[in-house]
Amino acid sequence: MSVVEVKDTVRKLFSDYLEKHAQRKTPERFAILDEVYSINDHFDVDGLYSRLKEKKYPVSRATVYNTLELLLECDLVTRHQFGKNLALYEKSYAYKQHDHLI
């Protein structure tokens, strides 16, 4: 599956999830999803927020947190908790499982 096909598929899955759960389909949520699926490594919320701000997307930190929670609920993102205070995320659709060393 190509990168474009993956992005199209995850957009459709996310759109269907939002519709099914009576959530709004906002451009900000889809911008966050697109950014997540353009990152090829683990990321944290602050790093994602910074990337979006650099690209001039009009999103708040709260929108990033809330959208990540939605993406977790519909299994498009996985959260890894490393210690008490470090949570890293990664895209999870069409990507291989791998191990993490702590």
N, C-alpha and C. Protein backbone atom coordinates (compact mmCIF):
# COMPACT_ATOMS: atom_id res chain seq x y z
N MET A 1 0.85 -1.17 0.00
CA MET A 1 0.00 0.00 0.00
C MET A 1 0.89 1.24 0.00
N SER A 2 0.63 2.17 -0.90
CA SER A 2 1.45 3.38 -0.98
C SER A 2 1.09 4.34 0.16
N VAL A 3 1.94 5.33 0.36
CA VAL A 3 1.71 6.34 1.39
C VAL A 3 0.40 7.07 1.13
N VAL A 4 0.14 7.41 -0.12
CA VAL A 4 -1.10 8.11 -0.48
C VAL A 4 -2.32 7.24 -0.19
N GLU A 5 -2.22 5.96 -0.51
CA GLU A 5 -3.34 5.05 -0.23
C GLU A 5 -3.58 4.91 1.27
N VAL A 6 -2.51 4.84 2.03
CA VAL A 6 -2.64 4.75 3.49
C VAL A 6 -3.32 6.00 4.02
N LYS A 7 -2.85 7.18 3.59
CA LYS A 7 -3.45 8.44 4.07
C LYS A 7 -4.92 8.53 3.69
N ASP A 8 -5.26 8.13 2.48
CA ASP A 8 -6.67 8.16 2.05
C ASP A 8 -7.51 7.21 2.91
N THR A 9 -6.97 6.04 3.17
CA THR A 9 -7.69 5.04 3.97
C THR A 9 -7.89 5.53 5.41
N VAL A 10 -6.86 6.07 6.03
CA VAL A 10 -7.00 6.52 7.42
C VAL A 10 -7.93 7.72 7.51
N ARG A 11 -7.92 8.58 6.50
CA ARG A 11 -8.87 9.71 6.49
C ARG A 11 -10.31 9.18 6.45
N LYS A 12 -10.54 8.17 5.64
CA LYS A 12 -11.89 7.59 5.53
C LYS A 12 -12.28 6.90 6.85
N LEU A 13 -11.36 6.13 7.41
CA LEU A 13 -11.65 5.46 8.69
C LEU A 13 -11.95 6.48 9.80
N PHE A 14 -11.16 7.55 9.84
CA PHE A 14 -11.36 8.58 10.86
C PHE A 14 -12.68 9.31 10.63
N SER A 15 -12.98 9.62 9.40
CA SER A 15 -14.24 10.28 9.06
C SER A 15 -15.43 9.42 9.47
N ASP A 16 -15.36 8.13 9.16
CA ASP A 16 -16.44 7.21 9.55
C ASP A 16 -16.58 7.13 11.06
N TYR A 17 -15.43 7.09 11.77
CA TYR A 17 -15.45 7.03 13.23
C TYR A 17 -16.11 8.28 13.81
N LEU A 18 -15.71 9.44 13.31
CA LEU A 18 -16.28 10.70 13.81
C LEU A 18 -17.79 10.75 13.57
N GLU A 19 -18.20 10.33 12.40
CA GLU A 19 -19.62 10.32 12.07
C GLU A 19 -20.39 9.37 12.99
N LYS A 20 -19.87 8.18 13.16
CA LYS A 20 -20.53 7.16 14.00
C LYS A 20 -20.68 7.62 15.44
N HIS A 21 -19.71 8.41 15.93
CA HIS A 21 -19.71 8.86 17.32
C HIS A 21 -20.18 10.30 17.47
N ALA A 22 -20.83 10.82 16.45
CA ALA A 22 -21.42 12.18 16.48
C ALA A 22 -20.40 13.25 16.85
N GLN A 23 -19.20 13.12 16.30
CA GLN A 23 -18.14 14.11 16.51
C GLN A 23 -18.02 14.97 15.26
N ARG A 24 -17.57 16.20 15.44
CA ARG A 24 -17.42 17.10 14.30
C ARG A 24 -16.21 16.72 13.45
N LYS A 25 -16.37 16.87 12.15
CA LYS A 25 -15.28 16.62 11.20
C LYS A 25 -14.66 17.97 10.86
N THR A 26 -13.68 18.37 11.65
CA THR A 26 -13.07 19.69 11.47
C THR A 26 -11.79 19.59 10.65
N PRO A 27 -11.45 20.66 9.93
CA PRO A 27 -10.19 20.66 9.19
C PRO A 27 -8.98 20.47 10.10
N GLU A 28 -9.07 20.98 11.33
CA GLU A 28 -7.96 20.85 12.28
C GLU A 28 -7.71 19.38 12.62
N ARG A 29 -8.76 18.62 12.84
CA ARG A 29 -8.61 17.21 13.18
C ARG A 29 -7.94 16.45 12.02
N PHE A 30 -8.35 16.77 10.80
CA PHE A 30 -7.77 16.08 9.65
C PHE A 30 -6.34 16.55 9.38
N ALA A 31 -6.02 17.80 9.71
CA ALA A 31 -4.64 18.29 9.59
C ALA A 31 -3.74 17.54 10.57
N ILE A 32 -4.24 17.30 11.78
CA ILE A 32 -3.48 16.55 12.78
C ILE A 32 -3.28 15.12 12.31
N LEU A 33 -4.33 14.49 11.81
CA LEU A 33 -4.22 13.13 11.29
C LEU A 33 -3.18 13.06 10.16
N ASP A 34 -3.24 14.00 9.23
CA ASP A 34 -2.28 14.02 8.12
C ASP A 34 -0.85 14.19 8.62
N GLU A 35 -0.67 15.04 9.61
CA GLU A 35 0.67 15.26 10.16
C GLU A 35 1.18 14.00 10.86
N VAL A 36 0.32 13.36 11.63
CA VAL A 36 0.69 12.11 12.31
C VAL A 36 1.17 11.09 11.28
N TYR A 37 0.45 10.98 10.19
CA TYR A 37 0.80 9.97 9.19
C TYR A 37 1.92 10.41 8.25
N SER A 38 2.46 11.60 8.48
CA SER A 38 3.66 12.01 7.74
C SER A 38 4.92 11.84 8.59
N ILE A 39 4.75 11.49 9.86
CA ILE A 39 5.87 11.27 10.77
C ILE A 39 6.25 9.80 10.71
N ASN A 40 7.52 9.52 10.50
CA ASN A 40 7.97 8.13 10.36
C ASN A 40 8.62 7.57 11.61
N ASP A 41 8.37 8.17 12.74
CA ASP A 41 8.97 7.72 13.99
C ASP A 41 7.98 8.00 15.12
N HIS A 42 8.38 7.71 16.32
CA HIS A 42 7.57 8.05 17.49
C HIS A 42 7.58 9.56 17.65
N PHE A 43 6.54 10.08 18.28
CA PHE A 43 6.47 11.52 18.52
C PHE A 43 5.74 11.76 19.83
N ASP A 44 5.98 12.94 20.40
CA ASP A 44 5.23 13.33 21.59
C ASP A 44 4.28 14.46 21.21
N VAL A 45 3.40 14.81 22.11
CA VAL A 45 2.38 15.82 21.84
C VAL A 45 3.02 17.16 21.52
N ASP A 46 4.03 17.55 22.30
CA ASP A 46 4.67 18.85 22.07
C ASP A 46 5.35 18.91 20.70
N GLY A 47 6.00 17.82 20.32
CA GLY A 47 6.64 17.79 19.01
C GLY A 47 5.63 17.89 17.88
N LEU A 48 4.51 17.19 18.02
CA LEU A 48 3.45 17.25 17.01
C LEU A 48 2.87 18.66 16.95
N TYR A 49 2.61 19.25 18.10
CA TYR A 49 2.08 20.61 18.17
C TYR A 49 3.04 21.59 17.49
N SER A 50 4.33 21.45 17.76
CA SER A 50 5.33 22.33 17.15
C SER A 50 5.35 22.18 15.63
N ARG A 51 5.28 20.95 15.15
CA ARG A 51 5.27 20.70 13.69
C ARG A 51 4.07 21.38 13.04
N LEU A 52 2.92 21.29 13.69
CA LEU A 52 1.71 21.91 13.14
C LEU A 52 1.83 23.43 13.15
N LYS A 53 2.38 23.98 14.22
CA LYS A 53 2.56 25.43 14.31
C LYS A 53 3.54 25.94 13.25
N GLU A 54 4.62 25.18 13.01
CA GLU A 54 5.58 25.56 11.97
C GLU A 54 4.93 25.61 10.60
N LYS A 55 3.95 24.78 10.38
CA LYS A 55 3.24 24.74 9.09
C LYS A 55 2.04 25.68 9.07
N LYS A 56 1.92 26.49 10.13
CA LYS A 56 0.87 27.52 10.23
C LYS A 56 -0.55 26.97 10.33
N TYR A 57 -0.68 25.72 10.85
CA TYR A 57 -2.02 25.20 11.09
C TYR A 57 -2.59 25.87 12.33
N PRO A 58 -3.82 26.35 12.27
CA PRO A 58 -4.42 27.05 13.42
C PRO A 58 -5.01 26.07 14.44
N VAL A 59 -4.14 25.39 15.18
CA VAL A 59 -4.61 24.43 16.18
C VAL A 59 -4.09 24.81 17.56
N SER A 60 -4.90 24.49 18.54
CA SER A 60 -4.47 24.70 19.93
C SER A 60 -3.87 23.40 20.45
N ARG A 61 -3.15 23.51 21.53
CA ARG A 61 -2.58 22.32 22.17
C ARG A 61 -3.72 21.38 22.63
N ALA A 62 -4.82 21.96 23.11
CA ALA A 62 -5.97 21.15 23.54
C ALA A 62 -6.56 20.36 22.37
N THR A 63 -6.61 20.97 21.20
CA THR A 63 -7.12 20.27 20.02
C THR A 63 -6.22 19.10 19.66
N VAL A 64 -4.91 19.29 19.79
CA VAL A 64 -3.97 18.20 19.51
C VAL A 64 -4.21 17.06 20.49
N TYR A 65 -4.29 17.35 21.77
CA TYR A 65 -4.54 16.31 22.78
C TYR A 65 -5.86 15.60 22.52
N ASN A 66 -6.91 16.36 22.29
CA ASN A 66 -8.23 15.77 22.09
C ASN A 66 -8.29 14.91 20.83
N THR A 67 -7.65 15.38 19.77
CA THR A 67 -7.64 14.63 18.52
C THR A 67 -6.83 13.35 18.68
N LEU A 68 -5.71 13.41 19.39
CA LEU A 68 -4.94 12.19 19.63
C LEU A 68 -5.77 11.16 20.40
N GLU A 69 -6.57 11.62 21.34
CA GLU A 69 -7.44 10.69 22.07
C GLU A 69 -8.44 10.02 21.13
N LEU A 70 -9.00 10.78 20.20
CA LEU A 70 -9.92 10.21 19.22
C LEU A 70 -9.19 9.20 18.32
N LEU A 71 -7.98 9.54 17.91
CA LEU A 71 -7.20 8.65 17.05
C LEU A 71 -6.82 7.36 17.80
N LEU A 72 -6.59 7.47 19.11
CA LEU A 72 -6.33 6.28 19.93
C LEU A 72 -7.58 5.41 19.99
N GLU A 73 -8.73 6.03 20.19
CA GLU A 73 -9.98 5.29 20.31
C GLU A 73 -10.31 4.52 19.03
N CYS A 74 -9.97 5.07 17.89
CA CYS A 74 -10.31 4.37 16.64
C CYS A 74 -9.11 3.60 16.08
N ASP A 75 -8.09 3.39 16.91
CA ASP A 75 -6.93 2.54 16.60
C ASP A 75 -6.09 3.01 15.41
N LEU A 76 -6.05 4.30 15.18
CA LEU A 76 -5.19 4.84 14.13
C LEU A 76 -3.85 5.30 14.68
N VAL A 77 -3.77 5.40 16.02
CA VAL A 77 -2.55 5.80 16.72
C VAL A 77 -2.39 4.90 17.93
N THR A 78 -1.15 4.62 18.28
CA THR A 78 -0.83 3.84 19.47
C THR A 78 -0.02 4.72 20.42
N ARG A 79 -0.32 4.62 21.71
CA ARG A 79 0.43 5.36 22.73
C ARG A 79 1.32 4.38 23.48
N HIS A 80 2.56 4.78 23.69
CA HIS A 80 3.51 4.00 24.48
C HIS A 80 3.90 4.85 25.69
N GLN A 81 3.74 4.28 26.87
CA GLN A 81 4.08 4.97 28.10
C GLN A 81 5.46 4.52 28.55
N PHE A 82 6.42 5.43 28.50
CA PHE A 82 7.79 5.14 28.92
C PHE A 82 8.03 5.87 30.24
N GLY A 83 7.91 5.17 31.33
CA GLY A 83 8.05 5.81 32.63
C GLY A 83 6.77 6.54 33.00
N LYS A 84 6.85 7.33 34.06
CA LYS A 84 5.67 8.02 34.56
C LYS A 84 5.25 9.20 33.68
N ASN A 85 6.21 9.92 33.14
CA ASN A 85 5.89 11.18 32.49
C ASN A 85 6.13 11.23 30.99
N LEU A 86 6.53 10.13 30.40
CA LEU A 86 6.85 10.19 28.97
C LEU A 86 5.93 9.28 28.17
N ALA A 87 5.06 9.90 27.40
CA ALA A 87 4.18 9.16 26.49
C ALA A 87 4.60 9.51 25.07
N LEU A 88 4.84 8.49 24.28
CA LEU A 88 5.14 8.68 22.87
C LEU A 88 4.06 7.99 22.06
N TYR A 89 3.82 8.53 20.90
CA TYR A 89 2.77 8.03 20.02
C TYR A 89 3.38 7.59 18.70
N GLU A 90 2.65 6.77 17.97
CA GLU A 90 3.04 6.42 16.61
C GLU A 90 1.80 6.01 15.84
N LYS A 91 1.86 6.21 14.55
CA LYS A 91 0.76 5.77 13.69
C LYS A 91 0.68 4.26 13.76
N SER A 92 -0.53 3.73 13.63
CA SER A 92 -0.66 2.29 13.81
C SER A 92 -1.35 1.58 12.64
N TYR A 93 -1.95 2.30 11.72
CA TYR A 93 -2.62 1.63 10.60
C TYR A 93 -1.59 1.23 9.55
N ALA A 94 -1.59 -0.04 9.18
CA ALA A 94 -0.73 -0.57 8.10
C ALA A 94 0.77 -0.48 8.43
N TYR A 95 1.12 -0.48 9.73
CA TYR A 95 2.52 -0.44 10.11
C TYR A 95 2.86 -1.64 10.97
N LYS A 96 4.04 -2.16 10.77
CA LYS A 96 4.46 -3.38 11.46
C LYS A 96 4.64 -3.16 12.95
N GLN A 97 4.34 -4.21 13.71
CA GLN A 97 4.60 -4.21 15.14
C GLN A 97 6.10 -4.29 15.32
N HIS A 98 6.60 -3.60 16.34
CA HIS A 98 8.03 -3.65 16.65
C HIS A 98 8.21 -3.51 18.15
N ASP A 99 9.36 -3.89 18.63
CA ASP A 99 9.65 -3.85 20.06
C ASP A 99 10.27 -2.53 20.47
N HIS A 100 10.13 -2.21 21.76
CA HIS A 100 10.70 -1.01 22.32
C HIS A 100 11.60 -1.41 23.50
N LEU A 101 12.79 -0.85 23.55
CA LEU A 101 13.68 -1.06 24.70
C LEU A 101 13.47 0.05 25.68
N ILE A 102 13.35 -0.30 26.94
CA ILE A 102 13.18 0.70 27.98
C ILE A 102 14.37 0.66 28.89
